[in-house]
C-alpha atoms as a PDB file:
ATOM      1  CA  UNK A   1      60.517 146.342 -38.168  1.00  0.00           C
ATOM      2  CA  UNK A   2      58.098 144.915 -35.152  1.00  0.00           C
ATOM      3  CA  UNK A   3      54.250 144.771 -35.407  1.00  0.00           C
ATOM      4  CA  UNK A   4      52.205 144.446 -32.335  1.00  0.00           C
ATOM      5  CA  UNK A   5      48.817 142.443 -32.827  1.00  0.00           C
ATOM      6  CA  UNK A   6      46.344 142.482 -30.014  1.00  0.00           C
ATOM      7  CA  UNK A   7      42.486 142.427 -29.541  1.00  0.00           C
ATOM      8  CA  UNK A   8      40.623 142.760 -26.623  1.00  0.00           C
ATOM      9  CA  UNK A   9      39.267 139.243 -25.315  1.00  0.00           C
ATOM     10  CA  UNK A  10      36.197 139.531 -26.410  1.00  0.00           C
ATOM     11  CA  UNK A  11      37.364 139.203 -30.096  1.00  0.00           C
ATOM     12  CA  UNK A  12      36.162 136.533 -32.214  1.00  0.00           C
ATOM     13  CA  UNK A  13      35.560 137.654 -35.952  1.00  0.00           C
ATOM     14  CA  UNK A  14      38.448 135.124 -37.267  1.00  0.00           C
ATOM     15  CA  UNK A  15      37.736 135.907 -40.957  1.00  0.00           C
ATOM     16  CA  UNK A  16      38.265 139.686 -40.141  1.00  0.00           C
ATOM     17  CA  UNK A  17      41.137 139.104 -37.952  1.00  0.00           C
ATOM     18  CA  UNK A  18      42.710 136.667 -40.873  1.00  0.00           C
ATOM     19  CA  UNK A  19      41.877 139.152 -44.034  1.00  0.00           C
ATOM     20  CA  UNK A  20      43.153 142.394 -42.130  1.00  0.00           C
ATOM     21  CA  UNK A  21      46.025 140.266 -41.621  1.00  0.00           C
ATOM     22  CA  UNK A  22      46.363 139.174 -44.985  1.00  0.00           C
ATOM     23  CA  UNK A  23      45.686 142.553 -46.594  1.00  0.00           C
ATOM     24  CA  UNK A  24      48.083 144.467 -44.064  1.00  0.00           C
ATOM     25  CA  UNK A  25      50.822 141.707 -44.143  1.00  0.00           C
ATOM     26  CA  UNK A  26      51.412 142.340 -47.908  1.00  0.00           C
ATOM     27  CA  UNK A  27      53.554 145.065 -47.654  1.00  0.00           C
ATOM     28  CA  UNK A  28      55.851 143.483 -44.616  1.00  0.00           C
ATOM     29  CA  UNK A  29      59.371 142.276 -45.492  1.00  0.00           C
ATOM     30  CA  UNK A  30      58.769 138.350 -43.885  1.00  0.00           C
ATOM     31  CA  UNK A  31      62.465 138.413 -43.406  1.00  0.00           C
ATOM     32  CA  UNK A  32      62.790 141.528 -41.561  1.00  0.00           C
ATOM     33  CA  UNK A  33      59.156 141.609 -39.743  1.00  0.00           C
ATOM     34  CA  UNK A  34      59.006 140.221 -35.939  1.00  0.00           C
ATOM     35  CA  UNK A  35      55.351 139.729 -35.251  1.00  0.00           C
ATOM     36  CA  UNK A  36      54.523 140.555 -31.141  1.00  0.00           C
ATOM     37  CA  UNK A  37      51.957 138.961 -29.568  1.00  0.00           C
ATOM     38  CA  UNK A  38      51.266 139.331 -25.934  1.00  0.00           C
ATOM     39  CA  UNK A  39      49.678 136.020 -24.780  1.00  0.00           C
ATOM     40  CA  UNK A  40      49.276 132.336 -25.472  1.00  0.00           C
ATOM     41  CA  UNK A  41      45.924 131.524 -25.376  1.00  0.00           C
ATOM     42  CA  UNK A  42      42.644 132.605 -26.943  1.00  0.00           C
ATOM     43  CA  UNK A  43      42.910 134.957 -29.688  1.00  0.00           C
ATOM     44  CA  UNK A  44      46.524 135.743 -29.303  1.00  0.00           C
ATOM     45  CA  UNK A  45      47.100 132.284 -29.740  1.00  0.00           C
ATOM     46  CA  UNK A  46      44.929 132.642 -32.971  1.00  0.00           C
ATOM     47  CA  UNK A  47      47.394 135.769 -33.787  1.00  0.00           C
ATOM     48  CA  UNK A  48      50.610 133.902 -33.115  1.00  0.00           C
ATOM     49  CA  UNK A  49      49.212 131.110 -35.338  1.00  0.00           C
ATOM     50  CA  UNK A  50      48.413 133.352 -38.135  1.00  0.00           C
ATOM     51  CA  UNK A  51      51.849 134.749 -38.193  1.00  0.00           C
ATOM     52  CA  UNK A  52      53.854 131.931 -38.110  1.00  0.00           C
ATOM     53  CA  UNK A  53      51.778 129.913 -40.836  1.00  0.00           C
ATOM     54  CA  UNK A  54      52.554 132.846 -42.796  1.00  0.00           C
ATOM     55  CA  UNK A  55      56.119 132.442 -42.062  1.00  0.00           C
ATOM     56  CA  UNK A  56      57.041 135.565 -40.020  1.00  0.00           C
ATOM     57  CA  UNK A  57      59.254 135.418 -36.770  1.00  0.00           C
ATOM     58  CA  UNK A  58      57.060 135.754 -33.360  1.00  0.00           C
ATOM     59  CA  UNK A  59      58.106 137.505 -30.239  1.00  0.00           C
ATOM     60  CA  UNK A  60      55.880 136.818 -27.414  1.00  0.00           C
ATOM     61  CA  UNK A  61      56.056 138.968 -24.275  1.00  0.00           C
ATOM     62  CA  UNK A  62      53.985 137.355 -21.762  1.00  0.00           C
ATOM     63  CA  UNK A  63      51.823 138.878 -18.358  1.00  0.00           C
ATOM     64  CA  UNK A  64      53.591 136.922 -15.312  1.00  0.00           C
ATOM     65  CA  UNK A  65      50.345 137.235 -12.621  1.00  0.00           C
ATOM     66  CA  UNK A  66      52.856 135.280 -10.114  1.00  0.00           C
ATOM     67  CA  UNK A  67      55.720 137.931  -9.685  1.00  0.00           C
ATOM     68  CA  UNK A  68      53.280 141.051 -11.037  1.00  0.00           C
ATOM     69  CA  UNK A  69      49.666 140.366  -9.356  1.00  0.00           C
ATOM     70  CA  UNK A  70      46.969 142.716 -10.880  1.00  0.00           C
ATOM     71  CA  UNK A  71      49.688 144.850 -12.461  1.00  0.00           C
ATOM     72  CA  UNK A  72      50.826 141.755 -14.712  1.00  0.00           C
ATOM     73  CA  UNK A  73      48.962 142.751 -18.258  1.00  0.00           C
ATOM     74  CA  UNK A  74      49.900 146.783 -18.040  1.00  0.00           C
ATOM     75  CA  UNK A  75      53.823 145.411 -16.793  1.00  0.00           C
ATOM     76  CA  UNK A  76      53.344 143.596 -20.336  1.00  0.00           C
ATOM     77  CA  UNK A  77      52.395 146.223 -22.339  1.00  0.00           C
ATOM     78  CA  UNK A  78      54.790 148.299 -21.056  1.00  0.00           C
ATOM     79  CA  UNK A  79      57.607 145.949 -21.897  1.00  0.00           C
ATOM     80  CA  UNK A  80      55.994 145.382 -25.496  1.00  0.00           C
ATOM     81  CA  UNK A  81      55.874 149.017 -26.376  1.00  0.00           C
ATOM     82  CA  UNK A  82      59.351 149.235 -24.850  1.00  0.00           C
ATOM     83  CA  UNK A  83      60.471 146.177 -27.302  1.00  0.00           C
ATOM     84  CA  UNK A  84      59.662 148.487 -29.683  1.00  0.00           C
ATOM     85  CA  UNK A  85      61.153 151.245 -32.016  1.00  0.00           C
ATOM     86  CA  UNK A  86      60.255 154.471 -33.843  1.00  0.00           C
ATOM     87  CA  UNK A  87      58.455 153.101 -37.401  1.00  0.00           C
ATOM     88  CA  UNK A  88      57.044 149.901 -35.547  1.00  0.00           C
ATOM     89  CA  UNK A  89      53.905 149.504 -36.202  1.00  0.00           C
ATOM     90  CA  UNK A  90      50.974 148.813 -33.466  1.00  0.00           C
ATOM     91  CA  UNK A  91      47.465 146.464 -34.883  1.00  0.00           C
ATOM     92  CA  UNK A  92      44.586 146.571 -32.521  1.00  0.00           C
ATOM     93  CA  UNK A  93      41.192 144.949 -32.644  1.00  0.00           C
ATOM     94  CA  UNK A  94      39.154 146.758 -29.523  1.00  0.00           C
ATOM     95  CA  UNK A  95      36.001 146.430 -28.145  1.00  0.00           C
ATOM     96  CA  UNK A  96      36.261 149.933 -26.753  1.00  0.00           C
ATOM     97  CA  UNK A  97      35.901 148.938 -23.524  1.00  0.00           C
ATOM     98  CA  UNK A  98      39.087 146.424 -22.667  1.00  0.00           C
ATOM     99  CA  UNK A  99      41.222 148.037 -19.950  1.00  0.00           C
ATOM    100  CA  UNK A 100      44.297 146.313 -21.149  1.00  0.00           C
ATOM    101  CA  UNK A 101      43.655 147.279 -24.621  1.00  0.00           C
ATOM    102  CA  UNK A 102      42.889 151.118 -23.814  1.00  0.00           C
ATOM    103  CA  UNK A 103      46.145 150.752 -21.564  1.00  0.00           C
ATOM    104  CA  UNK A 104      48.375 149.631 -24.630  1.00  0.00           C
ATOM    105  CA  UNK A 105      46.888 151.736 -27.023  1.00  0.00           C
ATOM    106  CA  UNK A 106      48.046 154.355 -24.724  1.00  0.00           C
ATOM    107  CA  UNK A 107      51.645 153.592 -24.049  1.00  0.00           C
ATOM    108  CA  UNK A 108      51.672 153.272 -27.858  1.00  0.00           C
ATOM    109  CA  UNK A 109      50.636 156.952 -28.494  1.00  0.00           C
ATOM    110  CA  UNK A 110      52.975 157.884 -26.069  1.00  0.00           C
ATOM    111  CA  UNK A 111      56.113 156.387 -28.017  1.00  0.00           C
ATOM    112  CA  UNK A 112      54.685 157.410 -31.282  1.00  0.00           C
ATOM    113  CA  UNK A 113      54.574 154.317 -32.827  1.00  0.00           C
ATOM    114  CA  UNK A 114      52.060 153.536 -35.911  1.00  0.00           C
ATOM    115  CA  UNK A 115      48.647 153.025 -34.845  1.00  0.00           C
ATOM    116  CA  UNK A 116      45.586 151.336 -36.515  1.00  0.00           C
ATOM    117  CA  UNK A 117      42.571 150.235 -34.306  1.00  0.00           C
ATOM    118  CA  UNK A 118      40.138 148.517 -35.820  1.00  0.00           C
ATOM    119  CA  UNK A 119      37.155 149.048 -33.727  1.00  0.00           C
ATOM    120  CA  UNK A 120      33.903 146.240 -33.316  1.00  0.00           C
END
C-alpha cells in the first residue's frame, strides 16, 4: 500500500501532524506500506523524516522546475497520483487556498484513491 502525505506550504502545526501520523499509521503494515512525499524541504522534509523515524519506506517524487517550469508542481502531482493504485491513500493537511494541494486533491479524487483532508 502507498500513502501520499502532503501539506500546504503554510502548515506548521507539527504536534498535530505527528499526532495524526501516529494515529493513522497504527493500521499500516511497516513492511508493505510506502509513504509517498513530494518535496525535500519544509513540511515535506518533516513528513519524510517522521515516516523514516517510524520505520516506513519512502518514495519521493519531486517537481523538476528546470525542466517543467511553472507546470512543475502540477506535473509532480500527476506523477504522484499515477504512482498509486486502487486502495492506496492520500492524507492532506490543507489551508483551503494552496493551489498545488487543490490540484493534488482533484487528481486523487479522479483516480478514486482514499482521501483524508485535514483543514486548518
